[in-house]
Protein backbone atom coordinates (compact mmCIF):
# COMPACT_ATOMS: atom_id res chain seq x y z
CA UNK A 1 17.90 36.20 -9.70
CA UNK A 2 16.21 32.99 -11.44
CA UNK A 3 13.79 31.89 -8.69
CA UNK A 4 12.47 28.45 -9.91
CA UNK A 5 9.47 26.75 -8.18
CA UNK A 6 10.18 23.36 -6.93
CA UNK A 7 7.63 20.65 -8.79
CA UNK A 8 5.23 19.45 -6.39
CA UNK A 9 5.70 16.09 -4.44
CA UNK A 10 3.67 13.40 -5.65
CA UNK A 11 2.05 11.32 -2.71
CA UNK A 12 2.86 7.68 -2.66
CA UNK A 13 -0.45 5.76 -2.64
CA UNK A 14 0.62 2.52 -1.19
CA UNK A 15 -1.72 -0.64 -1.98
CA UNK A 16 -1.75 -3.74 0.29
CA UNK A 17 -2.41 -6.95 -1.02
CA UNK A 18 -2.61 -10.56 -0.14
CA UNK A 19 -2.03 -13.84 -2.00
CA UNK A 20 -2.37 -17.12 -0.84
CA UNK A 21 0.49 -19.23 -2.40
CA UNK A 22 0.84 -22.77 -3.10
CA UNK A 23 3.94 -24.36 -1.80
CA UNK A 24 5.82 -27.15 -3.79
CA UNK A 25 7.98 -29.17 -1.77
CA UNK A 26 9.92 -31.72 -3.80
CA UNK A 27 11.06 -35.33 -2.87
CA UNK A 28 13.41 -37.38 -4.82
CA UNK A 29 13.52 -39.10 -7.17
CA UNK A 30 12.35 -35.92 -8.71
CA UNK A 31 11.27 -37.53 -11.92
CA UNK A 32 8.62 -39.58 -10.07
CA UNK A 33 7.63 -36.58 -8.14
CA UNK A 34 6.76 -34.44 -11.68
CA UNK A 35 5.05 -37.70 -12.55
CA UNK A 36 2.58 -37.19 -9.48
CA UNK A 37 2.47 -33.22 -10.72
CA UNK A 38 1.54 -34.68 -14.29
CA UNK A 39 -1.22 -36.75 -12.98
CA UNK A 40 -2.69 -34.07 -10.88
CA UNK A 41 -2.85 -31.67 -14.15
CA UNK A 42 -4.25 -34.68 -16.43
CA UNK A 43 -7.33 -34.49 -13.62
CA UNK A 44 -7.61 -31.17 -13.68
CA UNK A 45 -5.96 -29.26 -16.83
CA UNK A 46 -4.57 -25.74 -15.73
CA UNK A 47 -5.55 -25.83 -12.31
CA UNK A 48 -1.89 -24.20 -11.38
CA UNK A 49 -2.04 -21.42 -14.32
CA UNK A 50 -2.21 -18.39 -12.78
CA UNK A 51 -1.47 -19.19 -9.08
CA UNK A 52 1.24 -18.00 -6.97
CA UNK A 53 3.62 -21.00 -6.14
CA UNK A 54 6.49 -21.26 -3.94
CA UNK A 55 9.02 -24.03 -4.33
CA UNK A 56 10.36 -25.17 -1.03
CA UNK A 57 13.59 -27.23 -1.14
CA UNK A 58 14.36 -27.96 2.13
CA UNK A 59 13.69 -31.91 1.95
CA UNK A 60 16.02 -32.08 -1.41
CA UNK A 61 19.59 -31.10 -1.75
CA UNK A 62 19.99 -29.78 -5.27
CA UNK A 63 22.76 -27.96 -7.08
CA UNK A 64 22.47 -24.84 -8.86
CA UNK A 65 21.89 -26.45 -12.45
CA UNK A 66 19.47 -28.99 -10.75
CA UNK A 67 17.37 -26.20 -9.24
CA UNK A 68 17.33 -24.73 -12.83
CA UNK A 69 16.27 -27.95 -14.65
CA UNK A 70 13.39 -28.28 -12.17
CA UNK A 71 12.55 -24.68 -12.67
CA UNK A 72 12.32 -25.38 -16.48
CA UNK A 73 10.32 -28.80 -16.04
CA UNK A 74 7.80 -26.69 -13.89
CA UNK A 75 7.54 -24.17 -16.37
CA UNK A 76 7.05 -26.47 -19.27
CA UNK A 77 3.84 -27.38 -17.44
CA UNK A 78 2.84 -23.82 -17.24
CA UNK A 79 3.76 -23.57 -13.32
CA UNK A 80 5.27 -20.26 -12.71
CA UNK A 81 7.51 -20.49 -9.62
CA UNK A 82 7.50 -16.62 -7.65
CA UNK A 83 9.86 -17.51 -5.03
CA UNK A 84 12.23 -20.09 -3.50
CA UNK A 85 12.76 -21.17 -0.03
CA UNK A 86 14.65 -23.59 2.10
CA UNK A 87 18.04 -23.47 0.10
CA UNK A 88 21.32 -21.37 0.31
CA UNK A 89 21.04 -17.95 -1.78
CA UNK A 90 24.42 -18.81 -3.39
CA UNK A 91 22.76 -21.90 -5.35
CA UNK A 92 20.11 -19.50 -7.05
CA UNK A 93 21.35 -17.87 -10.44
CA UNK A 94 20.97 -14.40 -11.53
CA UNK A 95 17.88 -15.42 -13.79
CA UNK A 96 16.02 -17.52 -10.81
CA UNK A 97 12.89 -16.42 -8.69
CA UNK A 98 14.23 -14.79 -5.21
CA UNK A 99 14.74 -16.50 -2.03
CA UNK A 100 11.81 -16.18 0.51
CA UNK A 101 11.89 -16.25 4.14
CA UNK A 102 9.13 -15.46 7.11
CA UNK A 103 6.41 -17.49 5.15
CA UNK A 104 3.76 -18.75 7.59
CA UNK A 105 1.36 -21.54 7.07
CA UNK A 106 -2.00 -20.77 6.31
CA UNK A 107 -5.46 -22.97 5.57
CA UNK A 108 -6.82 -22.52 1.52
CA UNK A 109 -10.14 -22.34 1.30
CA UNK A 110 -11.37 -23.44 -1.99
CA UNK A 111 -14.08 -25.29 -3.73
CA UNK A 112 -12.96 -28.59 -6.06
CA UNK A 113 -14.06 -28.38 -9.71
CA UNK A 114 -16.93 -30.43 -10.71
CA UNK A 115 -15.97 -33.70 -12.50
CA UNK A 116 -18.64 -33.71 -14.32
CA UNK A 117 -20.44 -30.45 -16.34
CA UNK A 118 -23.73 -29.88 -14.81
CA UNK A 119 -26.75 -29.66 -16.76
CA UNK A 120 -27.55 -26.44 -15.57
CA UNK A 121 -25.31 -23.44 -14.43
CA UNK A 122 -25.30 -22.32 -11.22
CA UNK A 123 -24.88 -18.85 -10.23
CA UNK A 124 -21.17 -17.67 -8.72
CA UNK A 125 -22.09 -16.67 -5.25
CA UNK A 126 -21.62 -13.21 -4.13
CA UNK A 127 -21.31 -13.60 -0.43
CA UNK A 128 -19.31 -15.70 1.53
CA UNK A 129 -20.70 -17.01 5.25
CA UNK A 130 -18.43 -18.36 8.09
CA UNK A 131 -20.21 -19.58 10.98
CA UNK A 132 -16.66 -20.88 13.02
CA UNK A 133 -14.39 -18.28 14.18
CA UNK A 134 -11.34 -17.30 11.97
CA UNK A 135 -8.26 -18.58 13.99
CA UNK A 136 -4.73 -17.34 14.10
CA UNK A 137 -2.68 -18.38 10.89
CA UNK A 138 -5.76 -18.85 8.70
CA UNK A 139 -6.26 -16.87 5.35
CA UNK A 140 -10.01 -16.47 4.07
CA UNK A 141 -10.01 -14.94 0.58
CA UNK A 142 -13.29 -14.30 -1.28
CA UNK A 143 -12.64 -11.82 -4.39
CA UNK A 144 -16.28 -12.12 -5.63
CA UNK A 145 -18.17 -10.38 -2.96
CA UNK A 146 -18.71 -9.84 0.74
CA UNK A 147 -17.66 -11.79 3.95
CA UNK A 148 -19.46 -12.65 6.95
CA UNK A 149 -17.96 -13.96 10.24
CA UNK A 150 -20.37 -14.96 12.63
CA UNK A 151 -17.79 -15.29 15.29
CA UNK A 152 -14.11 -13.75 16.04
CA UNK A 153 -11.12 -13.22 13.58
CA UNK A 154 -8.05 -14.16 15.97
CA UNK A 155 -4.50 -12.37 15.93
CA UNK A 156 -2.56 -13.20 12.87
CA UNK A 157 -5.71 -14.27 10.65
CA UNK A 158 -6.85 -12.25 7.72
CA UNK A 159 -9.84 -11.70 5.89
CA UNK A 160 -9.74 -10.56 2.27
CA UNK A 161 -12.89 -9.57 0.46
CA UNK A 162 -13.83 -7.96 -2.93
CA UNK A 163 -16.85 -6.51 -1.04
CA UNK A 164 -17.47 -5.45 2.55
CA UNK A 165 -16.34 -7.48 5.50
CA UNK A 166 -18.92 -7.91 8.48
CA UNK A 167 -17.83 -9.66 11.74
CA UNK A 168 -20.22 -10.16 14.42
CA UNK A 169 -17.33 -10.87 16.96
CA UNK A 170 -14.11 -9.30 17.87
CA UNK A 171 -11.54 -8.37 15.12
CA UNK A 172 -8.15 -8.92 16.11
CA UNK A 173 -6.22 -9.87 12.94
CA UNK A 174 -6.47 -8.13 9.17
CA UNK A 175 -9.34 -6.93 7.25
CA UNK A 176 -8.91 -6.02 3.87
CA UNK A 177 -12.13 -5.16 1.70
CA UNK A 178 -12.72 -4.03 -1.81
CA UNK A 179 -9.98 -5.44 -3.19
CA UNK A 180 -10.89 -5.73 -6.71
CA UNK A 181 -11.29 -1.47 -6.50
CA UNK A 182 -14.47 -1.18 -4.92
CA UNK A 183 -14.00 2.05 -3.07
CA UNK A 184 -17.72 1.68 -1.78
CA UNK A 185 -17.23 -1.27 0.37
CA UNK A 186 -16.96 -1.39 4.26
CA UNK A 187 -15.70 -3.03 7.35
CA UNK A 188 -17.99 -3.71 10.12
CA UNK A 189 -17.27 -5.51 13.40
CA UNK A 190 -18.83 -5.76 16.90
CA UNK A 191 -15.36 -5.11 18.63
CA UNK A 192 -12.39 -3.34 17.18
CA UNK A 193 -8.67 -4.45 18.09
CA UNK A 194 -7.50 -5.04 14.46
CA UNK A 195 -4.06 -5.29 13.44
CA UNK A 196 -4.94 -3.63 10.00
CA UNK A 197 -7.58 -2.37 8.15
CA UNK A 198 -7.59 -1.68 4.36
CA UNK A 199 -10.31 -0.72 1.66
CA UNK A 200 -9.49 -0.78 -1.80
CA UNK A 201 -5.64 0.00 -1.06
CA UNK A 202 -6.08 2.48 1.59
CA UNK A 203 -5.01 1.31 4.87
CA UNK A 204 -4.85 2.00 8.86
CA UNK A 205 -2.11 0.04 10.96
CA UNK A 206 -3.02 -0.71 14.74
CA UNK A 207 -0.75 2.24 16.00
CA UNK A 208 -3.06 4.81 13.48
CA UNK A 209 -6.33 3.36 14.88
CA UNK A 210 -7.90 6.14 17.27
CA UNK A 211 -8.04 4.63 20.81
CA UNK A 212 -11.54 6.25 20.76
CA UNK A 213 -12.93 3.50 18.72
CA UNK A 214 -10.92 0.50 20.22
CA UNK A 215 -12.81 -2.23 21.99
CA UNK A 216 -16.04 -1.10 20.77
CA UNK A 217 -18.31 -1.85 17.77
CA UNK A 218 -17.14 0.16 14.67
CA UNK A 219 -17.15 0.95 10.89
CA UNK A 220 -14.51 1.61 8.40
CA UNK A 221 -15.23 3.23 4.84
CA UNK A 222 -13.35 5.47 2.27
CA UNK A 223 -14.24 9.25 2.14
CA UNK A 224 -11.90 10.10 -0.64
CA UNK A 225 -8.48 9.18 -0.15
CA UNK A 226 -8.66 9.01 3.49
CA UNK A 227 -10.32 5.74 5.77
CA UNK A 228 -12.86 7.00 8.15
CA UNK A 229 -13.22 4.67 11.70
CA UNK A 230 -16.02 5.55 13.90
CA UNK A 231 -18.18 3.66 16.72
CA UNK A 232 -21.44 2.15 15.50
CA UNK A 233 -24.49 3.62 17.38
């Protein structure tokens, strides 16, 4: 009898990622709207390069060919659209970005580029301090280091950090630390009621968090491929 052992099953590692996308909402005439885009690029060349862009067509009535022409016009300006919303799917051709649904508004926090070069280069900050609570719907992304929140993080809000996350209030939303591959990052909070915790792609949802640590000070860290959540003494 020919007995063959089944190959070992590979464990699937689910990595969470959160990106804040810019939403473009064209208005007619499209030519004038594109001229405004050109004016922005003239002030800040390359500003949209590498940025996630969603095209919201709810305010205009464009045919399939017109949508394709608009996408070509944006591509010519190095603006890559990752998805389209606000339009019937049958107007999108096979080579167009996919139709997106379910997006929600959030606050985008960024620093405006300096208009003039500074005489001395300032060191890049390695931490972000938020003195105000992070409210529902807000998304704070700081990939360069730690994030400290002196207040609470509301349900539906999210904190994304390249380093550790320190929350001096209640964590009700989502906290994602070590997003650039920092497995030594940790998450600290004074009261844990989180919807999701993630470190370097490993995560636990609200249903998986032990009831014994809920509603009390806690910390989360990685032990190998396992996330540990324990009370803070």
